[in-house]
Amino acid sequence: MTKLTPTDALAPRPSARITGATIRGLEPGDRDALRAMFDRLSPDSRYRRFMSPAASFDVALRNVFDLDYVQRDAIVARLHGEIIGLAECHAFRRSPADVEVAVTVDDDFHRRGLGGELLDIVIERAERHGAANVHASVLAENRPMLELLHKVAPYAHKELERGVVDLVFPLPTSA
């Protein structure tokens, strides 16, 4: 498999939701800006996204820069030099047609459509690279993310175990 560069993977393009923001592939040079976004997250946002109130940047995002932009992909939204959103998509080793997605949005940009925009882009990219099913694990109390995923895939299969909702849905071309 060819390893793509961030620009090959996703050339910068304007956000449709946040005026002045740009969406592009995550780059190795984004580490400090991503850490800054992580540091700006409220304790509640960190808990909801990483399922741990004490998540550290190094633990929570330890593999985010290990990318080939096909099996392991990540995109960011940037505004005025700061990262304000991150979407990740990783294929399962044993089943590359199954991918797991996750989205993190800076608290100041919650409920403005950025998470949905990032999620749509990363899922479309995964589908282009052969993904058939999307998985997501969300805390049951994370209503905003569950609502977003319901908009994306109202037909998703859901299972609740130990306070975590696991969702799985086929992509339209594989349904």
N, C-alpha and C. Protein backbone atom coordinates (compact mmCIF):
# COMPACT_ATOMS: atom_id res chain seq x y z
N MET A 1 0.84 -1.17 0.00
CA MET A 1 0.00 0.00 0.00
C MET A 1 0.89 1.24 0.00
N THR A 2 0.55 2.22 -0.79
CA THR A 2 1.30 3.46 -0.87
C THR A 2 0.95 4.35 0.31
N LYS A 3 1.98 4.92 0.90
CA LYS A 3 1.74 5.87 1.98
C LYS A 3 1.59 7.26 1.36
N LEU A 4 0.49 7.89 1.62
CA LEU A 4 0.22 9.21 1.08
C LEU A 4 0.77 10.29 1.99
N THR A 5 0.99 11.47 1.44
CA THR A 5 1.35 12.63 2.25
C THR A 5 0.06 13.32 2.68
N PRO A 6 0.12 14.18 3.70
CA PRO A 6 -1.11 14.87 4.12
C PRO A 6 -1.78 15.65 2.99
N THR A 7 -0.97 16.29 2.13
CA THR A 7 -1.55 17.07 1.04
C THR A 7 -2.17 16.16 -0.01
N ASP A 8 -1.50 15.02 -0.31
CA ASP A 8 -2.09 14.05 -1.23
C ASP A 8 -3.42 13.55 -0.68
N ALA A 9 -3.43 13.31 0.63
CA ALA A 9 -4.60 12.73 1.28
C ALA A 9 -5.78 13.70 1.29
N LEU A 10 -5.54 14.93 1.66
CA LEU A 10 -6.61 15.93 1.69
C LEU A 10 -6.00 17.31 1.57
N ALA A 11 -6.09 17.86 0.38
CA ALA A 11 -5.60 19.22 0.17
C ALA A 11 -6.45 20.18 1.01
N PRO A 12 -5.84 21.23 1.50
CA PRO A 12 -6.61 22.19 2.32
C PRO A 12 -7.83 22.71 1.57
N ARG A 13 -8.94 22.78 2.30
CA ARG A 13 -10.16 23.32 1.73
C ARG A 13 -10.92 24.06 2.82
N PRO A 14 -11.73 25.02 2.44
CA PRO A 14 -12.46 25.79 3.46
C PRO A 14 -13.55 24.97 4.13
N SER A 15 -13.75 25.24 5.39
CA SER A 15 -14.86 24.62 6.11
C SER A 15 -16.17 25.22 5.61
N ALA A 16 -17.17 24.38 5.48
CA ALA A 16 -18.50 24.85 5.10
C ALA A 16 -19.26 25.38 6.31
N ARG A 17 -18.75 25.12 7.51
CA ARG A 17 -19.47 25.46 8.74
C ARG A 17 -18.87 26.61 9.53
N ILE A 18 -17.55 26.76 9.49
CA ILE A 18 -16.87 27.77 10.30
C ILE A 18 -16.15 28.72 9.36
N THR A 19 -16.63 29.96 9.27
CA THR A 19 -16.04 30.95 8.38
C THR A 19 -14.57 31.15 8.72
N GLY A 20 -13.73 31.05 7.69
CA GLY A 20 -12.29 31.28 7.85
C GLY A 20 -11.50 30.04 8.22
N ALA A 21 -12.18 28.96 8.59
CA ALA A 21 -11.48 27.73 8.96
C ALA A 21 -11.13 26.92 7.72
N THR A 22 -10.05 26.17 7.82
CA THR A 22 -9.58 25.30 6.75
C THR A 22 -9.51 23.87 7.27
N ILE A 23 -9.88 22.92 6.43
CA ILE A 23 -9.81 21.50 6.78
C ILE A 23 -8.75 20.86 5.88
N ARG A 24 -7.88 20.07 6.50
CA ARG A 24 -6.82 19.39 5.75
C ARG A 24 -6.35 18.17 6.52
N GLY A 25 -5.47 17.38 5.89
CA GLY A 25 -4.90 16.23 6.56
C GLY A 25 -4.02 16.65 7.72
N LEU A 26 -4.03 15.86 8.79
CA LEU A 26 -3.15 16.10 9.93
C LEU A 26 -1.71 15.90 9.47
N GLU A 27 -0.82 16.78 9.91
CA GLU A 27 0.60 16.73 9.54
C GLU A 27 1.45 16.56 10.79
N PRO A 28 2.65 15.97 10.64
CA PRO A 28 3.54 15.82 11.81
C PRO A 28 3.81 17.13 12.53
N GLY A 29 3.88 18.23 11.79
CA GLY A 29 4.14 19.53 12.39
C GLY A 29 2.97 20.09 13.19
N ASP A 30 1.85 19.38 13.22
CA ASP A 30 0.67 19.85 13.95
C ASP A 30 0.67 19.47 15.43
N ARG A 31 1.70 18.76 15.90
CA ARG A 31 1.71 18.25 17.27
C ARG A 31 1.47 19.35 18.30
N ASP A 32 2.17 20.46 18.21
CA ASP A 32 2.01 21.52 19.22
C ASP A 32 0.62 22.15 19.16
N ALA A 33 0.11 22.36 17.96
CA ALA A 33 -1.23 22.95 17.83
C ALA A 33 -2.30 21.98 18.32
N LEU A 34 -2.09 20.68 18.08
CA LEU A 34 -3.05 19.69 18.57
C LEU A 34 -3.00 19.60 20.09
N ARG A 35 -1.79 19.66 20.66
CA ARG A 35 -1.65 19.67 22.12
C ARG A 35 -2.36 20.90 22.71
N ALA A 36 -2.23 22.04 22.04
CA ALA A 36 -2.88 23.26 22.53
C ALA A 36 -4.40 23.09 22.52
N MET A 37 -4.96 22.47 21.46
CA MET A 37 -6.40 22.23 21.45
C MET A 37 -6.78 21.29 22.59
N PHE A 38 -6.01 20.23 22.76
CA PHE A 38 -6.27 19.28 23.84
C PHE A 38 -6.27 20.01 25.19
N ASP A 39 -5.32 20.89 25.39
CA ASP A 39 -5.22 21.63 26.66
C ASP A 39 -6.41 22.58 26.86
N ARG A 40 -6.99 23.05 25.76
CA ARG A 40 -8.16 23.94 25.86
C ARG A 40 -9.45 23.19 26.15
N LEU A 41 -9.48 21.88 25.94
CA LEU A 41 -10.70 21.12 26.19
C LEU A 41 -11.05 21.17 27.68
N SER A 42 -12.32 21.33 27.96
CA SER A 42 -12.78 21.29 29.35
C SER A 42 -12.63 19.87 29.88
N PRO A 43 -12.58 19.70 31.20
CA PRO A 43 -12.52 18.34 31.76
C PRO A 43 -13.69 17.47 31.27
N ASP A 44 -14.86 18.07 31.13
CA ASP A 44 -16.02 17.31 30.64
C ASP A 44 -15.81 16.85 29.20
N SER A 45 -15.29 17.72 28.35
CA SER A 45 -15.04 17.35 26.95
C SER A 45 -13.99 16.25 26.86
N ARG A 46 -12.94 16.35 27.66
CA ARG A 46 -11.91 15.30 27.66
C ARG A 46 -12.51 13.96 28.09
N TYR A 47 -13.32 14.01 29.12
CA TYR A 47 -13.94 12.79 29.62
C TYR A 47 -14.86 12.17 28.57
N ARG A 48 -15.68 13.00 27.94
CA ARG A 48 -16.62 12.49 26.94
C ARG A 48 -15.91 11.91 25.72
N ARG A 49 -14.82 12.53 25.30
CA ARG A 49 -14.12 12.04 24.10
C ARG A 49 -13.19 10.86 24.40
N PHE A 50 -12.44 10.94 25.50
CA PHE A 50 -11.41 9.93 25.76
C PHE A 50 -11.80 8.94 26.85
N MET A 51 -13.02 9.11 27.39
CA MET A 51 -13.58 8.20 28.39
C MET A 51 -12.71 8.09 29.64
N SER A 52 -12.03 9.16 29.95
CA SER A 52 -11.20 9.21 31.15
C SER A 52 -11.05 10.66 31.56
N PRO A 53 -11.35 10.98 32.83
CA PRO A 53 -11.23 12.37 33.26
C PRO A 53 -9.78 12.83 33.36
N ALA A 54 -8.86 11.89 33.46
CA ALA A 54 -7.45 12.24 33.63
C ALA A 54 -6.63 11.96 32.37
N ALA A 55 -7.28 11.89 31.23
CA ALA A 55 -6.55 11.59 30.00
C ALA A 55 -5.49 12.65 29.74
N SER A 56 -4.29 12.19 29.47
CA SER A 56 -3.22 13.12 29.10
C SER A 56 -3.11 13.11 27.58
N PHE A 57 -2.54 14.17 27.04
CA PHE A 57 -2.37 14.27 25.60
C PHE A 57 -1.58 13.08 25.07
N ASP A 58 -0.47 12.76 25.71
CA ASP A 58 0.40 11.69 25.23
C ASP A 58 -0.28 10.34 25.24
N VAL A 59 -1.15 10.09 26.21
CA VAL A 59 -1.85 8.81 26.26
C VAL A 59 -3.06 8.83 25.32
N ALA A 60 -3.85 9.89 25.39
CA ALA A 60 -5.08 9.96 24.60
C ALA A 60 -4.81 9.94 23.10
N LEU A 61 -3.76 10.59 22.69
CA LEU A 61 -3.49 10.73 21.26
C LEU A 61 -2.15 10.11 20.87
N ARG A 62 -1.78 9.04 21.56
CA ARG A 62 -0.46 8.43 21.34
C ARG A 62 -0.25 7.94 19.92
N ASN A 63 -1.30 7.52 19.23
CA ASN A 63 -1.13 6.97 17.88
C ASN A 63 -1.64 7.88 16.77
N VAL A 64 -2.09 9.07 17.12
CA VAL A 64 -2.75 9.90 16.12
C VAL A 64 -1.82 10.30 14.97
N PHE A 65 -0.52 10.39 15.22
CA PHE A 65 0.40 10.79 14.15
C PHE A 65 0.97 9.60 13.38
N ASP A 66 0.57 8.39 13.72
CA ASP A 66 1.00 7.19 13.00
C ASP A 66 0.03 6.97 11.85
N LEU A 67 0.21 7.72 10.78
CA LEU A 67 -0.78 7.78 9.70
C LEU A 67 -0.21 7.30 8.38
N ASP A 68 -1.07 6.67 7.58
CA ASP A 68 -0.76 6.42 6.18
C ASP A 68 -1.83 7.06 5.30
N TYR A 69 -2.84 7.68 5.91
CA TYR A 69 -3.94 8.40 5.25
C TYR A 69 -4.84 7.47 4.44
N VAL A 70 -4.70 6.16 4.66
CA VAL A 70 -5.59 5.19 4.05
C VAL A 70 -6.17 4.32 5.16
N GLN A 71 -5.35 3.46 5.77
CA GLN A 71 -5.80 2.62 6.88
C GLN A 71 -5.87 3.40 8.19
N ARG A 72 -5.03 4.38 8.34
CA ARG A 72 -5.03 5.26 9.52
C ARG A 72 -5.02 6.69 9.01
N ASP A 73 -6.11 7.39 9.27
CA ASP A 73 -6.31 8.72 8.68
C ASP A 73 -6.71 9.69 9.78
N ALA A 74 -6.36 10.93 9.59
CA ALA A 74 -6.81 11.99 10.51
C ALA A 74 -6.83 13.31 9.75
N ILE A 75 -7.84 14.10 10.03
CA ILE A 75 -7.96 15.43 9.43
C ILE A 75 -8.17 16.43 10.55
N VAL A 76 -7.81 17.67 10.26
CA VAL A 76 -7.98 18.73 11.25
C VAL A 76 -8.67 19.93 10.62
N ALA A 77 -9.32 20.70 11.48
CA ALA A 77 -9.84 22.01 11.10
C ALA A 77 -8.97 23.03 11.81
N ARG A 78 -8.50 24.02 11.06
CA ARG A 78 -7.64 25.07 11.63
C ARG A 78 -8.30 26.42 11.40
N LEU A 79 -8.12 27.29 12.39
CA LEU A 79 -8.62 28.66 12.30
C LEU A 79 -7.61 29.56 12.98
N HIS A 80 -7.12 30.56 12.26
CA HIS A 80 -6.15 31.51 12.80
C HIS A 80 -4.95 30.81 13.44
N GLY A 81 -4.47 29.76 12.77
CA GLY A 81 -3.27 29.07 13.23
C GLY A 81 -3.50 28.04 14.33
N GLU A 82 -4.73 27.92 14.81
CA GLU A 82 -5.03 26.95 15.87
C GLU A 82 -5.85 25.79 15.31
N ILE A 83 -5.61 24.60 15.84
CA ILE A 83 -6.47 23.47 15.50
C ILE A 83 -7.72 23.58 16.36
N ILE A 84 -8.88 23.50 15.70
CA ILE A 84 -10.15 23.60 16.42
C ILE A 84 -10.97 22.32 16.30
N GLY A 85 -10.49 21.36 15.51
CA GLY A 85 -11.19 20.10 15.38
C GLY A 85 -10.28 19.02 14.81
N LEU A 86 -10.56 17.79 15.21
CA LEU A 86 -9.80 16.62 14.75
C LEU A 86 -10.78 15.49 14.51
N ALA A 87 -10.65 14.81 13.38
CA ALA A 87 -11.41 13.59 13.12
C ALA A 87 -10.41 12.50 12.77
N GLU A 88 -10.61 11.34 13.36
CA GLU A 88 -9.71 10.21 13.14
C GLU A 88 -10.51 9.04 12.59
N CYS A 89 -9.83 8.21 11.80
CA CYS A 89 -10.45 7.01 11.24
C CYS A 89 -9.36 5.95 11.12
N HIS A 90 -9.56 4.83 11.80
CA HIS A 90 -8.57 3.76 11.80
C HIS A 90 -9.24 2.45 11.40
N ALA A 91 -8.65 1.77 10.45
CA ALA A 91 -9.15 0.45 10.05
C ALA A 91 -8.73 -0.59 11.08
N PHE A 92 -9.58 -1.57 11.29
CA PHE A 92 -9.24 -2.68 12.18
C PHE A 92 -8.23 -3.58 11.47
N ARG A 93 -7.23 -4.04 12.19
CA ARG A 93 -6.19 -4.88 11.57
C ARG A 93 -6.76 -6.17 11.00
N ARG A 94 -7.67 -6.80 11.73
CA ARG A 94 -8.20 -8.08 11.28
C ARG A 94 -9.32 -7.95 10.25
N SER A 95 -9.84 -6.75 10.12
CA SER A 95 -10.93 -6.53 9.18
C SER A 95 -10.82 -5.11 8.61
N PRO A 96 -9.94 -4.89 7.64
CA PRO A 96 -9.70 -3.54 7.12
C PRO A 96 -10.92 -2.85 6.53
N ALA A 97 -11.97 -3.60 6.23
CA ALA A 97 -13.19 -2.98 5.71
C ALA A 97 -14.02 -2.37 6.84
N ASP A 98 -13.61 -2.61 8.09
CA ASP A 98 -14.26 -2.02 9.25
C ASP A 98 -13.35 -0.93 9.81
N VAL A 99 -13.92 0.25 10.00
CA VAL A 99 -13.15 1.37 10.52
C VAL A 99 -13.82 1.94 11.77
N GLU A 100 -13.00 2.51 12.63
CA GLU A 100 -13.50 3.20 13.81
C GLU A 100 -13.25 4.69 13.63
N VAL A 101 -14.25 5.49 13.94
CA VAL A 101 -14.12 6.94 13.80
C VAL A 101 -14.25 7.61 15.17
N ALA A 102 -13.61 8.77 15.27
CA ALA A 102 -13.70 9.59 16.48
C ALA A 102 -13.52 11.05 16.08
N VAL A 103 -14.18 11.93 16.80
CA VAL A 103 -14.11 13.36 16.53
C VAL A 103 -13.89 14.11 17.83
N THR A 104 -13.03 15.11 17.77
CA THR A 104 -12.80 16.01 18.90
C THR A 104 -12.93 17.43 18.38
N VAL A 105 -13.73 18.26 19.06
CA VAL A 105 -13.90 19.64 18.64
C VAL A 105 -13.64 20.55 19.84
N ASP A 106 -12.87 21.60 19.61
CA ASP A 106 -12.59 22.62 20.61
C ASP A 106 -13.91 23.09 21.23
N ASP A 107 -13.95 23.24 22.54
CA ASP A 107 -15.18 23.62 23.24
C ASP A 107 -15.85 24.86 22.65
N ASP A 108 -15.07 25.83 22.20
CA ASP A 108 -15.64 27.06 21.66
C ASP A 108 -16.40 26.85 20.36
N PHE A 109 -16.26 25.67 19.76
CA PHE A 109 -16.89 25.42 18.47
C PHE A 109 -17.91 24.29 18.53
N HIS A 110 -18.28 23.88 19.74
CA HIS A 110 -19.33 22.87 19.89
C HIS A 110 -20.66 23.40 19.36
N ARG A 111 -21.47 22.48 18.85
CA ARG A 111 -22.85 22.76 18.39
C ARG A 111 -22.90 23.76 17.24
N ARG A 112 -21.83 23.79 16.42
CA ARG A 112 -21.81 24.69 15.27
C ARG A 112 -21.66 23.92 13.95
N GLY A 113 -21.73 22.60 14.03
CA GLY A 113 -21.69 21.79 12.83
C GLY A 113 -20.31 21.31 12.40
N LEU A 114 -19.27 21.72 13.10
CA LEU A 114 -17.93 21.33 12.70
C LEU A 114 -17.69 19.83 12.90
N GLY A 115 -18.15 19.27 14.00
CA GLY A 115 -17.97 17.85 14.24
C GLY A 115 -18.62 17.01 13.15
N GLY A 116 -19.82 17.38 12.75
CA GLY A 116 -20.51 16.67 11.69
C GLY A 116 -19.79 16.80 10.35
N GLU A 117 -19.29 17.98 10.08
CA GLU A 117 -18.56 18.19 8.83
C GLU A 117 -17.30 17.32 8.80
N LEU A 118 -16.55 17.31 9.89
CA LEU A 118 -15.34 16.49 9.95
C LEU A 118 -15.67 15.00 9.84
N LEU A 119 -16.71 14.60 10.55
CA LEU A 119 -17.13 13.19 10.51
C LEU A 119 -17.54 12.78 9.10
N ASP A 120 -18.32 13.60 8.42
CA ASP A 120 -18.73 13.29 7.05
C ASP A 120 -17.51 13.13 6.14
N ILE A 121 -16.53 14.02 6.27
CA ILE A 121 -15.35 13.96 5.40
C ILE A 121 -14.54 12.70 5.67
N VAL A 122 -14.30 12.41 6.93
CA VAL A 122 -13.45 11.25 7.25
C VAL A 122 -14.16 9.94 6.87
N ILE A 123 -15.47 9.87 7.01
CA ILE A 123 -16.21 8.67 6.59
C ILE A 123 -16.19 8.53 5.07
N GLU A 124 -16.39 9.62 4.36
CA GLU A 124 -16.35 9.57 2.89
C GLU A 124 -14.97 9.11 2.42
N ARG A 125 -13.92 9.58 3.07
CA ARG A 125 -12.55 9.17 2.70
C ARG A 125 -12.35 7.67 2.96
N ALA A 126 -12.87 7.20 4.09
CA ALA A 126 -12.74 5.78 4.43
C ALA A 126 -13.47 4.92 3.40
N GLU A 127 -14.65 5.37 3.01
CA GLU A 127 -15.42 4.64 2.00
C GLU A 127 -14.65 4.56 0.68
N ARG A 128 -14.02 5.66 0.30
CA ARG A 128 -13.22 5.69 -0.92
C ARG A 128 -12.06 4.69 -0.88
N HIS A 129 -11.58 4.40 0.33
CA HIS A 129 -10.46 3.47 0.50
C HIS A 129 -10.92 2.06 0.84
N GLY A 130 -12.21 1.78 0.64
CA GLY A 130 -12.69 0.41 0.76
C GLY A 130 -13.40 0.06 2.05
N ALA A 131 -13.65 1.01 2.92
CA ALA A 131 -14.37 0.70 4.15
C ALA A 131 -15.81 0.32 3.83
N ALA A 132 -16.33 -0.63 4.59
CA ALA A 132 -17.71 -1.06 4.41
C ALA A 132 -18.57 -0.78 5.63
N ASN A 133 -17.95 -0.80 6.81
CA ASN A 133 -18.68 -0.59 8.07
C ASN A 133 -17.94 0.41 8.95
N VAL A 134 -18.72 1.24 9.61
CA VAL A 134 -18.16 2.24 10.51
C VAL A 134 -18.55 1.90 11.94
N HIS A 135 -17.58 1.98 12.84
CA HIS A 135 -17.79 1.73 14.26
C HIS A 135 -17.48 3.01 15.03
N ALA A 136 -18.18 3.21 16.12
CA ALA A 136 -17.87 4.31 17.03
C ALA A 136 -18.27 3.88 18.44
N SER A 137 -17.46 4.25 19.41
CA SER A 137 -17.76 3.98 20.82
C SER A 137 -17.93 5.32 21.51
N VAL A 138 -19.09 5.50 22.13
CA VAL A 138 -19.46 6.79 22.72
C VAL A 138 -20.02 6.57 24.11
N LEU A 139 -19.60 7.40 25.06
CA LEU A 139 -20.20 7.32 26.39
C LEU A 139 -21.70 7.56 26.26
N ALA A 140 -22.48 6.78 26.98
CA ALA A 140 -23.93 6.91 26.91
C ALA A 140 -24.40 8.30 27.31
N GLU A 141 -23.65 8.97 28.15
CA GLU A 141 -24.03 10.32 28.58
C GLU A 141 -23.62 11.41 27.59
N ASN A 142 -22.89 11.05 26.55
CA ASN A 142 -22.45 12.03 25.55
C ASN A 142 -23.54 12.22 24.51
N ARG A 143 -24.62 12.84 24.92
CA ARG A 143 -25.78 13.04 24.06
C ARG A 143 -25.47 13.78 22.76
N PRO A 144 -24.67 14.86 22.80
CA PRO A 144 -24.40 15.56 21.53
C PRO A 144 -23.77 14.65 20.48
N MET A 145 -22.83 13.79 20.87
CA MET A 145 -22.19 12.90 19.90
C MET A 145 -23.16 11.81 19.44
N LEU A 146 -23.96 11.30 20.35
CA LEU A 146 -24.96 10.29 19.96
C LEU A 146 -25.96 10.89 18.98
N GLU A 147 -26.37 12.14 19.22
CA GLU A 147 -27.29 12.81 18.29
C GLU A 147 -26.64 13.01 16.93
N LEU A 148 -25.37 13.40 16.92
CA LEU A 148 -24.66 13.58 15.66
C LEU A 148 -24.58 12.26 14.89
N LEU A 149 -24.21 11.20 15.57
CA LEU A 149 -24.13 9.90 14.90
C LEU A 149 -25.50 9.42 14.44
N HIS A 150 -26.55 9.76 15.16
CA HIS A 150 -27.90 9.41 14.72
C HIS A 150 -28.25 10.13 13.42
N LYS A 151 -27.81 11.38 13.28
CA LYS A 151 -28.05 12.12 12.03
C LYS A 151 -27.29 11.48 10.87
N VAL A 152 -26.07 11.05 11.15
CA VAL A 152 -25.24 10.43 10.11
C VAL A 152 -25.77 9.05 9.73
N ALA A 153 -26.19 8.29 10.74
CA ALA A 153 -26.62 6.90 10.50
C ALA A 153 -27.76 6.53 11.43
N PRO A 154 -28.99 6.97 11.12
CA PRO A 154 -30.11 6.67 12.00
C PRO A 154 -30.39 5.17 12.13
N TYR A 155 -29.90 4.39 11.19
CA TYR A 155 -30.12 2.94 11.15
C TYR A 155 -29.00 2.16 11.85
N ALA A 156 -28.06 2.84 12.51
CA ALA A 156 -26.92 2.16 13.13
C ALA A 156 -27.37 1.16 14.18
N HIS A 157 -26.68 0.05 14.23
CA HIS A 157 -26.89 -0.95 15.28
C HIS A 157 -26.18 -0.42 16.54
N LYS A 158 -26.90 -0.45 17.67
CA LYS A 158 -26.34 0.08 18.91
C LYS A 158 -26.38 -0.98 20.00
N GLU A 159 -25.30 -1.03 20.77
CA GLU A 159 -25.25 -1.89 21.95
C GLU A 159 -24.69 -1.07 23.10
N LEU A 160 -25.33 -1.19 24.26
CA LEU A 160 -24.91 -0.48 25.45
C LEU A 160 -24.28 -1.48 26.41
N GLU A 161 -23.06 -1.19 26.81
CA GLU A 161 -22.39 -2.03 27.79
C GLU A 161 -21.50 -1.15 28.66
N ARG A 162 -21.74 -1.23 29.97
CA ARG A 162 -20.93 -0.50 30.96
C ARG A 162 -20.85 0.99 30.67
N GLY A 163 -21.97 1.56 30.26
CA GLY A 163 -22.04 3.00 30.05
C GLY A 163 -21.48 3.48 28.73
N VAL A 164 -21.13 2.56 27.84
CA VAL A 164 -20.59 2.92 26.52
C VAL A 164 -21.52 2.36 25.44
N VAL A 165 -21.89 3.21 24.51
CA VAL A 165 -22.71 2.80 23.38
C VAL A 165 -21.76 2.51 22.22
N ASP A 166 -21.79 1.28 21.74
CA ASP A 166 -21.04 0.90 20.55
C ASP A 166 -22.00 0.92 19.38
N LEU A 167 -21.66 1.70 18.36
CA LEU A 167 -22.49 1.82 17.17
C LEU A 167 -21.75 1.22 15.98
N VAL A 168 -22.49 0.56 15.12
CA VAL A 168 -21.94 0.02 13.88
C VAL A 168 -22.96 0.29 12.79
N PHE A 169 -22.48 0.80 11.67
CA PHE A 169 -23.39 0.99 10.54
C PHE A 169 -22.65 0.76 9.23
N PRO A 170 -23.36 0.15 8.27
CA PRO A 170 -22.75 -0.07 6.95
C PRO A 170 -22.76 1.24 6.17
N LEU A 171 -21.77 1.38 5.32
CA LEU A 171 -21.76 2.52 4.42
C LEU A 171 -22.71 2.24 3.27
N PRO A 172 -23.28 3.25 2.68
CA PRO A 172 -24.32 3.04 1.66
C PRO A 172 -23.92 2.09 0.54
N THR A 173 -22.68 2.12 0.11
CA THR A 173 -22.28 1.25 -1.01
C THR A 173 -22.19 -0.20 -0.59
N SER A 174 -22.13 -0.46 0.74
CA SER A 174 -22.02 -1.84 1.20
C SER A 174 -23.30 -2.33 1.84
N ALA A 175 -24.33 -1.48 1.89
CA ALA A 175 -25.59 -1.86 2.53
C ALA A 175 -26.36 -2.86 1.70
